[in-house]
Amino acid sequence: MNPDGTIEIAEGVFIHPDDLEESFIRASGPGGQNVNKVATAVQLRFDAAKARGLPERVRERVIALAGQRATKDGVILIEADRFRTQERNRADARERLAALVAKAAEPPPPPRKRTRPSKGAIERRLKTKAGRSTVKRLRGKVDAD
């Protein structure tokens, strides 16, 4: 994270703090009476559709990778309630968002090279097919002479 709050994901891919919106809600799970009194869970909203630190290719991929966490408007919602403190949940939500954007920023895999089976492989396949055909043909009814 940079001093101005910008999170650098990769070369030319940033998350600006202006694009993030946090709200704190009550968490479920362990915590005893504390869970009923303190809003420790974090809902992090990231407006990926309007984020200025994302190139167009990364923007489309991050919305696709987010799946159900993304709204129709391109806002990604991440909820973090693993920990008992706001600070740790906040850091967890930001880390999960950064991991999602980093995965979207990865270059696509190289295209698959088409290969052909060798002549020997084709001959072996045809030989085994002929063998199975013979076995099945011999399983037929026996002629009564």
Protein backbone atom coordinates (compact mmCIF):
# COMPACT_ATOMS: atom_id res chain seq x y z
CA MET A 1 0.00 0.00 0.00
CA ASN A 2 1.31 3.42 -0.94
CA PRO A 3 1.35 6.36 1.50
CA ASP A 4 -1.71 7.88 -0.21
CA GLY A 5 -3.70 4.67 0.43
CA THR A 6 -3.47 3.36 -3.14
CA ILE A 7 -3.00 -0.40 -3.37
CA GLU A 8 -0.71 -1.41 -6.24
CA ILE A 9 -1.61 -4.82 -7.63
CA ALA A 10 0.59 -5.10 -10.72
CA GLU A 11 2.25 -2.84 -13.27
CA GLY A 12 -0.42 -0.28 -14.21
CA VAL A 13 -3.13 -1.84 -12.00
CA PHE A 14 -4.15 0.09 -8.89
CA ILE A 15 -6.99 0.22 -6.40
CA HIS A 16 -7.65 3.80 -5.33
CA PRO A 17 -9.13 4.39 -1.87
CA ASP A 18 -11.85 6.57 -3.47
CA ASP A 19 -13.20 3.47 -5.24
CA LEU A 20 -13.65 1.61 -1.93
CA GLU A 21 -16.58 1.99 0.42
CA GLU A 22 -16.61 0.23 3.79
CA SER A 23 -19.47 -0.35 6.17
CA PHE A 24 -19.37 -2.24 9.44
CA ILE A 25 -22.08 -4.69 10.44
CA ARG A 26 -22.62 -7.11 13.28
CA ALA A 27 -20.94 -10.44 12.74
CA SER A 28 -22.32 -13.88 13.46
CA GLY A 29 -20.34 -16.68 15.04
CA PRO A 30 -18.00 -16.75 18.05
CA GLY A 31 -17.40 -13.72 20.21
CA GLY A 32 -19.78 -14.11 23.14
CA GLN A 33 -21.62 -11.00 24.27
CA ASN A 34 -19.18 -8.86 22.30
CA VAL A 35 -20.77 -10.03 19.05
CA ASN A 36 -24.11 -8.51 20.09
CA LYS A 37 -22.62 -5.12 20.96
CA VAL A 38 -19.91 -4.35 18.42
CA ALA A 39 -20.12 -4.20 14.63
CA THR A 40 -16.89 -5.99 13.69
CA ALA A 41 -17.76 -7.50 10.29
CA VAL A 42 -16.81 -5.47 7.22
CA GLN A 43 -18.71 -5.05 3.97
CA LEU A 44 -16.26 -3.75 1.38
CA ARG A 45 -17.77 -2.34 -1.82
CA PHE A 46 -15.47 -1.86 -4.81
CA ASP A 47 -16.94 -0.13 -7.85
CA ALA A 48 -15.00 -2.04 -10.50
CA ALA A 49 -17.05 -0.62 -13.38
CA LYS A 50 -15.95 2.94 -12.58
CA ALA A 51 -12.53 2.23 -11.04
CA ARG A 52 -9.92 4.43 -12.67
CA GLY A 53 -6.92 2.29 -11.71
CA LEU A 54 -8.01 -0.74 -13.74
CA PRO A 55 -7.34 -1.27 -17.46
CA GLU A 56 -10.40 -2.36 -19.46
CA ARG A 57 -9.25 -6.00 -19.80
CA VAL A 58 -8.70 -6.33 -16.04
CA ARG A 59 -12.01 -4.57 -15.28
CA GLU A 60 -13.98 -7.12 -17.34
CA ARG A 61 -12.12 -10.11 -15.91
CA VAL A 62 -12.45 -9.00 -12.27
CA ILE A 63 -16.22 -8.63 -12.63
CA ALA A 64 -16.42 -12.05 -14.29
CA LEU A 65 -14.22 -13.68 -11.62
CA ALA A 66 -16.23 -12.11 -8.80
CA GLY A 67 -19.27 -14.11 -9.86
CA GLN A 68 -22.18 -13.64 -7.44
CA ARG A 69 -20.20 -11.12 -5.41
CA ALA A 70 -20.59 -8.63 -8.29
CA THR A 71 -23.80 -6.70 -8.93
CA LYS A 72 -25.23 -5.87 -12.34
CA ASP A 73 -23.72 -2.38 -12.02
CA GLY A 74 -20.20 -3.79 -11.62
CA VAL A 75 -19.89 -3.25 -7.85
CA ILE A 76 -18.03 -6.05 -6.05
CA LEU A 77 -19.15 -6.78 -2.48
CA ILE A 78 -16.79 -8.59 -0.13
CA GLU A 79 -17.87 -9.47 3.41
CA ALA A 80 -15.23 -10.28 6.02
CA ASP A 81 -16.16 -11.58 9.46
CA ARG A 82 -13.48 -14.18 10.18
CA PHE A 83 -11.85 -12.21 12.97
CA ARG A 84 -13.10 -10.58 16.16
CA THR A 85 -11.72 -7.09 15.47
CA GLN A 86 -12.68 -4.50 12.89
CA GLU A 87 -9.06 -3.85 11.92
CA ARG A 88 -8.28 -7.48 11.09
CA ASN A 89 -11.55 -7.93 9.19
CA ARG A 90 -10.88 -4.73 7.29
CA ALA A 91 -7.38 -5.90 6.33
CA ASP A 92 -8.77 -9.33 5.40
CA ALA A 93 -11.39 -7.81 3.08
CA ARG A 94 -8.78 -5.63 1.36
CA GLU A 95 -6.41 -8.59 0.95
CA ARG A 96 -9.16 -10.70 -0.60
CA LEU A 97 -10.04 -7.88 -3.00
CA ALA A 98 -6.36 -7.43 -3.92
CA ALA A 99 -6.04 -11.19 -4.57
CA LEU A 100 -9.12 -11.11 -6.82
CA VAL A 101 -7.80 -8.16 -8.83
CA ALA A 102 -4.32 -9.75 -9.03
CA LYS A 103 -5.84 -12.92 -10.47
CA ALA A 104 -7.74 -10.83 -13.02
CA ALA A 105 -4.54 -8.96 -13.94
CA GLU A 106 -2.62 -12.14 -14.81
CA PRO A 107 -1.91 -12.48 -18.52
CA PRO A 108 -4.02 -15.05 -20.36
CA PRO A 109 -2.43 -18.47 -20.92
CA PRO A 110 -0.81 -19.07 -24.30
CA PRO A 111 -3.09 -20.68 -26.88
CA ARG A 112 -3.01 -24.46 -27.07
CA LYS A 113 -0.95 -25.95 -29.88
CA ARG A 114 -2.90 -28.49 -31.89
CA THR A 115 -1.11 -31.82 -32.19
CA ARG A 116 -1.80 -34.95 -34.20
CA PRO A 117 -1.42 -38.54 -33.00
CA SER A 118 1.56 -40.39 -34.40
CA LYS A 119 1.16 -43.11 -37.05
CA GLY A 120 2.09 -45.75 -34.50
CA ALA A 121 -0.56 -44.52 -32.07
CA ILE A 122 -3.22 -44.64 -34.83
CA GLU A 123 -2.18 -48.19 -35.80
CA ARG A 124 -2.25 -49.39 -32.17
CA ARG A 125 -5.71 -47.90 -31.64
CA LEU A 126 -7.09 -49.55 -34.78
CA LYS A 127 -5.49 -52.88 -33.85
CA THR A 128 -7.10 -52.87 -30.38
CA LYS A 129 -10.46 -51.90 -31.91
CA ALA A 130 -10.21 -54.82 -34.33
CA GLY A 131 -9.32 -57.14 -31.44
CA ARG A 132 -12.35 -56.03 -29.39
CA SER A 133 -14.56 -56.45 -32.45
CA THR A 134 -13.35 -60.03 -32.88
CA VAL A 135 -13.96 -60.84 -29.20
CA LYS A 136 -17.50 -59.48 -29.35
CA ARG A 137 -18.24 -61.28 -32.62
CA LEU A 138 -17.13 -64.62 -31.06
CA ARG A 139 -19.54 -64.04 -28.14
CA GLY A 140 -22.48 -64.44 -30.50
CA LYS A 141 -24.82 -67.45 -30.75
CA VAL A 142 -23.30 -70.78 -31.71
CA ASP A 143 -24.71 -72.45 -34.83
CA ALA A 144 -26.34 -75.80 -34.18
CA ASP A 145 -25.03 -78.20 -36.87
